Amino acid sequence: MNGATREGMLDGATVLEGVNFAPARTAARRRVRWAAPWALLLRALRTVSLWRERSRHRLALDALDARTLRDIGLTRADVRREARKWFWRP
């Protein structure tokens, strides 16, 4: 073996200069398997919440009067274009 680098196999993991590059095993994988359905559900709920928020904001923007739109630098055409977007479109 070379003195500068030590390469070899140790229980299925490569060891290089005293660092163990073992793949993630057992407990971490089990946690991921059980956490994944909850994470997917949470992500779906956040997505629906974002869609509802977009819809509310677009309705509120559409309800603004001409003076307020002028104050924030938008035209009625800008507002119509934004209000016509589907709720899932950013």
C-alpha atoms as a PDB file:
ATOM      1  CA  MET A   1       0.000   0.000   0.000  1.00  0.00           C
ATOM      2  CA  ASN A   2       1.117   3.520  -0.731  1.00  0.00           C
ATOM      3  CA  GLY A   3       1.879   5.655   2.342  1.00  0.00           C
ATOM      4  CA  ALA A   4       0.142   8.799   0.960  1.00  0.00           C
ATOM      5  CA  THR A   5      -3.158   7.148   0.074  1.00  0.00           C
ATOM      6  CA  ARG A   6      -4.734   4.092   1.577  1.00  0.00           C
ATOM      7  CA  GLU A   7      -7.271   2.503  -0.726  1.00  0.00           C
ATOM      8  CA  GLY A   8      -9.194  -0.645  -0.029  1.00  0.00           C
ATOM      9  CA  MET A   9     -12.511  -2.212   0.733  1.00  0.00           C
ATOM     10  CA  LEU A  10     -13.978  -2.245   4.208  1.00  0.00           C
ATOM     11  CA  ASP A  11     -17.432  -3.769   4.618  1.00  0.00           C
ATOM     12  CA  GLY A  12     -18.533  -2.719   1.113  1.00  0.00           C
ATOM     13  CA  ALA A  13     -17.322   0.885   1.515  1.00  0.00           C
ATOM     14  CA  THR A  14     -14.297   2.475  -0.085  1.00  0.00           C
ATOM     15  CA  VAL A  15     -11.726   3.904   2.306  1.00  0.00           C
ATOM     16  CA  LEU A  16      -9.462   6.637   0.957  1.00  0.00           C
ATOM     17  CA  GLU A  17      -7.005   8.401   3.238  1.00  0.00           C
ATOM     18  CA  GLY A  18      -8.955   7.386   6.334  1.00  0.00           C
ATOM     19  CA  VAL A  19     -12.298   8.744   5.050  1.00  0.00           C
ATOM     20  CA  ASN A  20     -15.165   6.280   4.810  1.00  0.00           C
ATOM     21  CA  PHE A  21     -17.333   6.793   1.709  1.00  0.00           C
ATOM     22  CA  ALA A  22     -20.053   4.352   2.753  1.00  0.00           C
ATOM     23  CA  PRO A  23     -23.482   4.764   1.181  1.00  0.00           C
ATOM     24  CA  ALA A  24     -26.330   5.826   3.469  1.00  0.00           C
ATOM     25  CA  ARG A  25     -27.751   2.766   5.161  1.00  0.00           C
ATOM     26  CA  THR A  26     -30.512   1.328   7.345  1.00  0.00           C
ATOM     27  CA  ALA A  27     -31.941   3.916   9.769  1.00  0.00           C
ATOM     28  CA  ALA A  28     -31.688   6.844   7.366  1.00  0.00           C
ATOM     29  CA  ARG A  29     -33.350   4.867   4.572  1.00  0.00           C
ATOM     30  CA  ARG A  30     -36.125   3.692   6.884  1.00  0.00           C
ATOM     31  CA  ARG A  31     -36.829   7.275   7.958  1.00  0.00           C
ATOM     32  CA  VAL A  32     -37.003   8.390   4.329  1.00  0.00           C
ATOM     33  CA  ARG A  33     -39.440   5.615   3.423  1.00  0.00           C
ATOM     34  CA  TRP A  34     -41.842   6.561   6.219  1.00  0.00           C
ATOM     35  CA  ALA A  35     -41.380  10.306   5.828  1.00  0.00           C
ATOM     36  CA  ALA A  36     -41.976  10.349   2.072  1.00  0.00           C
ATOM     37  CA  PRO A  37     -45.796   9.997   2.142  1.00  0.00           C
ATOM     38  CA  TRP A  38     -46.085  12.768   4.750  1.00  0.00           C
ATOM     39  CA  ALA A  39     -43.693  14.955   2.800  1.00  0.00           C
ATOM     40  CA  LEU A  40     -45.749  14.443  -0.353  1.00  0.00           C
ATOM     41  CA  LEU A  41     -48.953  15.305   1.478  1.00  0.00           C
ATOM     42  CA  LEU A  42     -47.379  18.404   3.003  1.00  0.00           C
ATOM     43  CA  ARG A  43     -46.061  19.487  -0.381  1.00  0.00           C
ATOM     44  CA  ALA A  44     -49.504  19.006  -1.953  1.00  0.00           C
ATOM     45  CA  LEU A  45     -51.141  21.082   0.786  1.00  0.00           C
ATOM     46  CA  ARG A  46     -48.586  23.855   0.343  1.00  0.00           C
ATOM     47  CA  THR A  47     -49.165  23.833  -3.407  1.00  0.00           C
ATOM     48  CA  VAL A  48     -52.935  24.121  -3.014  1.00  0.00           C
ATOM     49  CA  SER A  49     -52.421  26.919  -0.490  1.00  0.00           C
ATOM     50  CA  LEU A  50     -50.185  28.760  -2.969  1.00  0.00           C
ATOM     51  CA  TRP A  51     -52.786  28.371  -5.712  1.00  0.00           C
ATOM     52  CA  ARG A  52     -55.530  29.779  -3.459  1.00  0.00           C
ATOM     53  CA  GLU A  53     -53.302  32.697  -2.490  1.00  0.00           C
ATOM     54  CA  ARG A  54     -52.592  33.500  -6.150  1.00  0.00           C
ATOM     55  CA  SER A  55     -56.283  33.414  -6.922  1.00  0.00           C
ATOM     56  CA  ARG A  56     -57.115  35.756  -4.021  1.00  0.00           C
ATOM     57  CA  HIS A  57     -54.345  38.187  -4.990  1.00  0.00           C
ATOM     58  CA  ARG A  58     -55.488  38.288  -8.601  1.00  0.00           C
ATOM     59  CA  LEU A  59     -59.072  38.949  -7.572  1.00  0.00           C
ATOM     60  CA  ALA A  60     -57.942  41.734  -5.238  1.00  0.00           C
ATOM     61  CA  LEU A  61     -55.761  43.242  -7.982  1.00  0.00           C
ATOM     62  CA  ASP A  62     -58.691  43.136 -10.391  1.00  0.00           C
ATOM     63  CA  ALA A  63     -60.847  44.985  -7.852  1.00  0.00           C
ATOM     64  CA  LEU A  64     -58.477  47.975  -7.573  1.00  0.00           C
ATOM     65  CA  ASP A  65     -59.600  51.294  -9.040  1.00  0.00           C
ATOM     66  CA  ALA A  66     -57.734  53.212 -11.772  1.00  0.00           C
ATOM     67  CA  ARG A  67     -56.108  55.668  -9.336  1.00  0.00           C
ATOM     68  CA  THR A  68     -54.612  52.895  -7.196  1.00  0.00           C
ATOM     69  CA  LEU A  69     -53.379  51.066 -10.290  1.00  0.00           C
ATOM     70  CA  ARG A  70     -51.701  54.275 -11.472  1.00  0.00           C
ATOM     71  CA  ASP A  71     -50.059  54.625  -8.044  1.00  0.00           C
ATOM     72  CA  ILE A  72     -48.508  51.164  -8.249  1.00  0.00           C
ATOM     73  CA  GLY A  73     -47.530  51.581 -11.900  1.00  0.00           C
ATOM     74  CA  LEU A  74     -49.950  49.143 -13.530  1.00  0.00           C
ATOM     75  CA  THR A  75     -52.437  49.585 -16.337  1.00  0.00           C
ATOM     76  CA  ARG A  76     -55.844  47.974 -16.601  1.00  0.00           C
ATOM     77  CA  ALA A  77     -54.437  45.803 -19.423  1.00  0.00           C
ATOM     78  CA  ASP A  78     -51.688  44.521 -17.078  1.00  0.00           C
ATOM     79  CA  VAL A  79     -54.303  43.653 -14.490  1.00  0.00           C
ATOM     80  CA  ARG A  80     -56.559  41.918 -17.026  1.00  0.00           C
ATOM     81  CA  ARG A  81     -53.614  39.872 -18.287  1.00  0.00           C
ATOM     82  CA  GLU A  82     -52.726  38.824 -14.728  1.00  0.00           C
ATOM     83  CA  ALA A  83     -56.363  38.140 -13.751  1.00  0.00           C
ATOM     84  CA  ARG A  84     -56.898  35.879 -16.786  1.00  0.00           C
ATOM     85  CA  LYS A  85     -54.071  33.524 -15.745  1.00  0.00           C
ATOM     86  CA  TRP A  86     -55.016  30.147 -14.364  1.00  0.00           C
ATOM     87  CA  PHE A  87     -54.420  29.743 -10.643  1.00  0.00           C
ATOM     88  CA  TRP A  88     -51.509  27.338 -11.142  1.00  0.00           C
ATOM     89  CA  ARG A  89     -49.614  29.769 -13.404  1.00  0.00           C
ATOM     90  CA  PRO A  90     -47.071  32.008 -11.661  1.00  0.00           C
END
